[in-house]
Amino acid sequence: MIPVEQDEHRGEQDRAGEQRPAGEQRPAGERCRADGLRERKKAATRQALGVAAMRLAVERGLDNVLVEDIAAEAGVSPRTFNNYFSSKYEAICALAMERGRRIGVALRSRPAGEPLMDAITHAVLAQYAAAEQAPDREWVAGLRLAFQSPPLQGEHLRTQYAAQQALAEAIAGRIGVDPERDMFPAVMAGAVAAATHVAMDRWLRADPPTPLAPLLRLALDQLSRPPRSRAVAESETVCAGRPGEGSLPGP
């Protein structure tokens, strides 16, 4: 739970708690601190609403969750909810939207000499640090049921596209190209999004439930090291058993 945000239209107060005279401006440093605090409060409220929306949808079923329920769970008013989200579907996808933004930020902070795919993999997996353990069966079942909703699927696609765009911009910045002229950042971001989607789909359908992080590692790893086909593997095995073709003759 978090407290209800104060009305942003109320008069600002100085450190002593006294109302400032109308028209008097605060020092630039104080304004920056206040702006930073306000943005952190907004981010915390958005996060709390997203967590509440996801939890209630999984526990109660999406059709049994109202905006008022989400707001109450997060400790804010329905009016505050509407200041952040246009629907419960958008609120549920807020965590994924924020995760996509953080992946772009994380990629920009990776070491300059690190290979691109390694940097992307580290940036993605850093946002799933809590996914090394298998989830509860009931949680996965509720999540699977919630995402069968067409409106939620549509909102999730919009979220995926926004996250893909953010990643493409981060890739372009890292390799020093113009994303409007060079297709590579968008192609790579699309491949990463597809790999992530496949891993999550496998995770949702796994029985018994399995950790998500290892599936993500495997999916991303295959973008740079695709598995050999069965025919190639069998051919190599046969050749390896022939004298003079990769193996020593038998006794």
Protein backbone atom coordinates (compact mmCIF):
# COMPACT_ATOMS: atom_id res chain seq x y z
CA MET A 1 0.00 0.00 0.00
CA ILE A 2 1.11 3.58 -0.66
CA PRO A 3 -0.49 6.85 0.50
CA VAL A 4 -2.73 8.87 -1.74
CA GLU A 5 -0.78 11.49 -3.63
CA GLN A 6 -1.40 15.08 -2.68
CA ASP A 7 -3.19 17.30 -5.15
CA GLU A 8 -0.52 18.78 -7.40
CA HIS A 9 -2.47 22.02 -7.65
CA ARG A 10 -2.06 22.84 -3.96
CA GLY A 11 0.31 25.65 -3.08
CA GLU A 12 3.94 24.64 -2.67
CA GLN A 13 5.53 24.85 0.74
CA ASP A 14 9.09 25.57 1.74
CA ARG A 15 11.20 23.43 4.04
CA ALA A 16 9.68 25.00 7.14
CA GLY A 17 6.23 24.00 5.88
CA GLU A 18 5.04 27.58 5.33
CA GLN A 19 3.15 28.64 2.20
CA ARG A 20 5.27 30.64 -0.24
CA PRO A 21 3.85 33.95 -1.41
CA ALA A 22 2.18 33.76 -4.82
CA GLY A 23 4.60 34.41 -7.65
CA GLU A 24 7.75 33.80 -5.58
CA GLN A 25 9.97 31.18 -7.17
CA ARG A 26 12.09 28.70 -5.30
CA PRO A 27 15.84 28.38 -5.88
CA ALA A 28 16.76 26.20 -8.86
CA GLY A 29 18.31 23.49 -6.68
CA GLU A 30 15.22 23.26 -4.52
CA ARG A 31 12.99 23.08 -7.60
CA CYS A 32 15.10 20.22 -9.00
CA ARG A 33 14.83 18.30 -5.73
CA ALA A 34 11.08 18.82 -5.63
CA ASP A 35 10.70 17.77 -9.26
CA GLY A 36 12.80 14.67 -8.62
CA LEU A 37 10.71 13.75 -5.58
CA ARG A 38 7.50 14.27 -7.54
CA GLU A 39 8.70 12.00 -10.34
CA ARG A 40 9.71 9.30 -7.87
CA LYS A 41 6.30 9.48 -6.22
CA LYS A 42 4.62 9.18 -9.59
CA ALA A 43 6.76 6.19 -10.49
CA ALA A 44 5.99 4.55 -7.13
CA THR A 45 2.27 5.08 -7.63
CA ARG A 46 2.40 3.68 -11.15
CA GLN A 47 4.35 0.66 -9.91
CA ALA A 48 1.91 0.03 -7.06
CA LEU A 49 -1.08 0.21 -9.39
CA GLY A 50 0.56 -2.17 -11.86
CA VAL A 51 1.40 -4.70 -9.14
CA ALA A 52 -2.11 -4.47 -7.69
CA ALA A 53 -3.76 -4.89 -11.09
CA MET A 54 -1.68 -7.95 -11.95
CA ARG A 55 -2.16 -9.58 -8.56
CA LEU A 56 -5.93 -9.08 -8.51
CA ALA A 57 -6.34 -10.29 -12.09
CA VAL A 58 -4.47 -13.49 -11.28
CA GLU A 59 -6.16 -14.10 -7.93
CA ARG A 60 -9.75 -13.16 -8.82
CA GLY A 61 -9.93 -13.52 -12.56
CA LEU A 62 -9.76 -10.56 -14.92
CA ASP A 63 -13.52 -10.19 -15.30
CA ASN A 64 -13.92 -9.88 -11.52
CA VAL A 65 -11.56 -6.92 -11.15
CA LEU A 66 -12.71 -3.30 -11.34
CA VAL A 67 -10.70 -0.10 -11.46
CA GLU A 68 -12.00 0.67 -7.99
CA ASP A 69 -10.59 -2.62 -6.71
CA ILE A 70 -7.14 -1.87 -8.12
CA ALA A 71 -7.13 1.64 -6.71
CA ALA A 72 -8.15 0.41 -3.27
CA GLU A 73 -5.50 -2.31 -3.32
CA ALA A 74 -2.83 0.28 -4.15
CA GLY A 75 -4.12 2.72 -1.55
CA VAL A 76 -5.17 5.47 -3.97
CA SER A 77 -8.43 6.83 -5.31
CA PRO A 78 -10.07 5.79 -8.60
CA ARG A 79 -9.42 9.35 -9.78
CA THR A 80 -5.71 8.84 -9.20
CA PHE A 81 -5.87 5.56 -11.11
CA ASN A 82 -7.42 7.38 -14.07
CA ASN A 83 -4.57 9.90 -14.00
CA TYR A 84 -2.17 7.05 -14.80
CA PHE A 85 -4.09 4.49 -16.84
CA SER A 86 -7.04 4.43 -19.19
CA SER A 87 -8.07 0.87 -18.30
CA LYS A 88 -7.29 -2.10 -16.09
CA TYR A 89 -5.65 -3.74 -19.09
CA GLU A 90 -3.15 -0.92 -19.41
CA ALA A 91 -2.45 -1.10 -15.68
CA ILE A 92 -1.76 -4.84 -15.88
CA CYS A 93 0.73 -4.26 -18.70
CA ALA A 94 2.42 -1.36 -16.89
CA LEU A 95 5.04 -3.63 -15.35
CA ALA A 96 6.02 -4.98 -18.77
CA MET A 97 6.14 -1.44 -20.15
CA GLU A 98 8.48 -0.32 -17.38
CA ARG A 99 10.60 -3.44 -17.81
CA GLY A 100 11.05 -2.61 -21.50
CA ARG A 101 12.19 0.89 -20.62
CA ARG A 102 14.68 -0.44 -18.08
CA ILE A 103 16.13 -2.90 -20.59
CA GLY A 104 16.97 0.01 -22.89
CA VAL A 105 18.57 1.91 -20.01
CA ALA A 106 20.53 -1.16 -18.92
CA LEU A 107 21.83 -1.77 -22.44
CA ARG A 108 23.16 1.78 -22.66
CA SER A 109 25.12 1.23 -19.44
CA ARG A 110 26.83 -2.01 -20.51
CA PRO A 111 30.62 -1.90 -21.11
CA ALA A 112 31.50 -0.43 -24.50
CA GLY A 113 33.71 -3.33 -25.55
CA GLU A 114 31.16 -6.03 -24.75
CA PRO A 115 29.76 -7.89 -27.79
CA LEU A 116 26.31 -6.61 -28.69
CA MET A 117 24.41 -9.85 -28.14
CA ASP A 118 26.11 -10.41 -24.78
CA ALA A 119 25.21 -6.88 -23.73
CA ILE A 120 21.59 -7.35 -24.79
CA THR A 121 21.35 -10.66 -22.94
CA HIS A 122 22.73 -9.14 -19.73
CA ALA A 123 20.39 -6.15 -20.06
CA VAL A 124 17.33 -8.37 -20.51
CA LEU A 125 18.16 -10.91 -17.80
CA ALA A 126 18.92 -8.16 -15.29
CA GLN A 127 15.20 -7.34 -15.32
CA TYR A 128 14.28 -10.93 -14.46
CA ALA A 129 16.50 -11.44 -11.42
CA ALA A 130 13.53 -12.77 -9.45
CA ALA A 131 12.67 -15.35 -12.13
CA GLU A 132 15.27 -17.95 -11.17
CA GLN A 133 12.69 -19.87 -9.12
CA ALA A 134 9.66 -21.73 -10.43
CA PRO A 135 6.36 -19.92 -9.71
CA ASP A 136 3.40 -21.40 -7.89
CA ARG A 137 1.16 -23.54 -10.06
CA GLU A 138 -1.89 -21.49 -9.06
CA TRP A 139 -0.18 -18.22 -10.03
CA VAL A 140 0.76 -19.48 -13.49
CA ALA A 141 -2.72 -20.88 -14.04
CA GLY A 142 -4.28 -17.54 -13.11
CA LEU A 143 -1.86 -15.65 -15.32
CA ARG A 144 -2.54 -17.98 -18.25
CA LEU A 145 -6.29 -17.48 -17.81
CA ALA A 146 -5.98 -13.69 -17.58
CA PHE A 147 -3.99 -13.46 -20.80
CA GLN A 148 -6.68 -15.30 -22.71
CA SER A 149 -8.63 -12.04 -22.67
CA PRO A 150 -8.61 -10.41 -26.15
CA PRO A 151 -8.51 -6.84 -24.74
CA LEU A 152 -5.53 -7.73 -22.56
CA GLN A 153 -3.81 -9.45 -25.48
CA GLY A 154 -4.26 -6.30 -27.56
CA GLU A 155 -2.84 -4.09 -24.83
CA HIS A 156 0.06 -6.47 -24.36
CA LEU A 157 0.89 -6.27 -28.08
CA ARG A 158 0.98 -2.49 -27.81
CA THR A 159 3.29 -2.79 -24.83
CA GLN A 160 5.58 -5.20 -26.67
CA TYR A 161 5.83 -2.81 -29.60
CA ALA A 162 6.78 0.10 -27.32
CA ALA A 163 9.40 -2.03 -25.57
CA GLN A 164 10.77 -3.15 -28.94
CA GLN A 165 11.07 0.47 -30.08
CA ALA A 166 12.93 1.41 -26.90
CA LEU A 167 15.34 -1.47 -27.39
CA ALA A 168 15.92 -0.55 -31.03
CA GLU A 169 16.82 3.00 -30.02
CA ALA A 170 19.23 1.70 -27.37
CA ILE A 171 20.86 -0.66 -29.89
CA ALA A 172 21.21 2.16 -32.41
CA GLY A 173 22.83 4.38 -29.80
CA ARG A 174 25.22 1.64 -28.75
CA ILE A 175 26.49 0.89 -32.27
CA GLY A 176 26.31 4.49 -33.46
CA VAL A 177 23.78 4.31 -36.30
CA ASP A 178 20.63 6.22 -37.23
CA PRO A 179 17.62 3.95 -36.53
CA GLU A 180 15.63 5.85 -39.16
CA ARG A 181 18.11 4.90 -41.88
CA ASP A 182 19.66 1.64 -40.71
CA MET A 183 17.33 -1.34 -40.29
CA PHE A 184 19.67 -3.41 -38.12
CA PRO A 185 18.56 -1.99 -34.71
CA ALA A 186 14.89 -2.66 -35.47
CA VAL A 187 15.63 -6.13 -36.84
CA MET A 188 17.72 -7.06 -33.80
CA ALA A 189 15.17 -5.63 -31.39
CA GLY A 190 12.44 -7.61 -33.15
CA ALA A 191 14.48 -10.80 -32.86
CA VAL A 192 15.03 -10.20 -29.14
CA ALA A 193 11.31 -9.51 -28.65
CA ALA A 194 10.43 -12.72 -30.50
CA ALA A 195 12.89 -14.77 -28.43
CA THR A 196 11.48 -13.29 -25.22
CA HIS A 197 7.93 -14.03 -26.35
CA VAL A 198 8.78 -17.66 -27.13
CA ALA A 199 10.46 -18.11 -23.75
CA MET A 200 7.47 -16.65 -21.92
CA ASP A 201 5.04 -18.79 -23.90
CA ARG A 202 7.00 -21.92 -22.96
CA TRP A 203 7.09 -20.72 -19.36
CA LEU A 204 3.32 -20.24 -19.23
CA ARG A 205 2.65 -23.68 -20.71
CA ALA A 206 5.27 -25.59 -18.70
CA ASP A 207 3.92 -28.40 -16.52
CA PRO A 208 5.19 -28.57 -13.87
CA PRO A 209 5.99 -24.84 -13.60
CA THR A 210 9.58 -23.93 -14.41
CA PRO A 211 11.73 -20.84 -13.80
CA LEU A 212 11.52 -18.19 -16.51
CA ALA A 213 15.13 -16.95 -16.43
CA PRO A 214 16.74 -20.14 -17.81
CA LEU A 215 14.24 -20.18 -20.68
CA LEU A 216 15.10 -16.57 -21.48
CA ARG A 217 18.82 -17.38 -21.48
CA LEU A 218 18.27 -20.30 -23.83
CA ALA A 219 16.06 -18.31 -26.21
CA LEU A 220 18.45 -15.34 -26.38
CA ASP A 221 21.46 -17.61 -26.76
CA GLN A 222 19.93 -19.15 -29.88
CA LEU A 223 19.95 -15.76 -31.63
CA SER A 224 23.73 -15.99 -31.89
CA ARG A 225 24.26 -19.76 -31.60
CA PRO A 226 21.41 -21.61 -33.29
CA PRO A 227 21.19 -25.33 -32.54
CA ARG A 228 22.36 -27.78 -35.18
CA SER A 229 19.70 -29.64 -37.08
CA ARG A 230 19.16 -33.28 -36.20
CA ALA A 231 20.30 -34.35 -39.69
CA VAL A 232 23.58 -32.45 -39.33
CA ALA A 233 24.20 -33.84 -35.85
CA GLU A 234 23.55 -37.41 -37.03
CA SER A 235 25.80 -36.89 -40.04
CA GLU A 236 28.61 -35.64 -37.82
CA THR A 237 28.16 -38.61 -35.53
CA VAL A 238 28.43 -41.06 -38.44
CA CYS A 239 31.49 -39.31 -39.86
CA ALA A 240 33.16 -39.23 -36.47
CA GLY A 241 32.93 -43.03 -36.33
CA ARG A 242 34.70 -43.63 -39.68
CA PRO A 243 38.46 -44.26 -39.71
CA GLY A 244 40.37 -41.32 -41.11
CA GLU A 245 37.41 -38.95 -40.81
CA GLY A 246 37.78 -37.43 -37.39
CA SER A 247 38.39 -40.56 -35.30
CA LEU A 248 41.11 -43.08 -34.71
CA PRO A 249 40.69 -46.56 -36.21
CA GLY A 250 39.70 -49.31 -33.84
CA PRO A 251 42.09 -51.97 -32.65
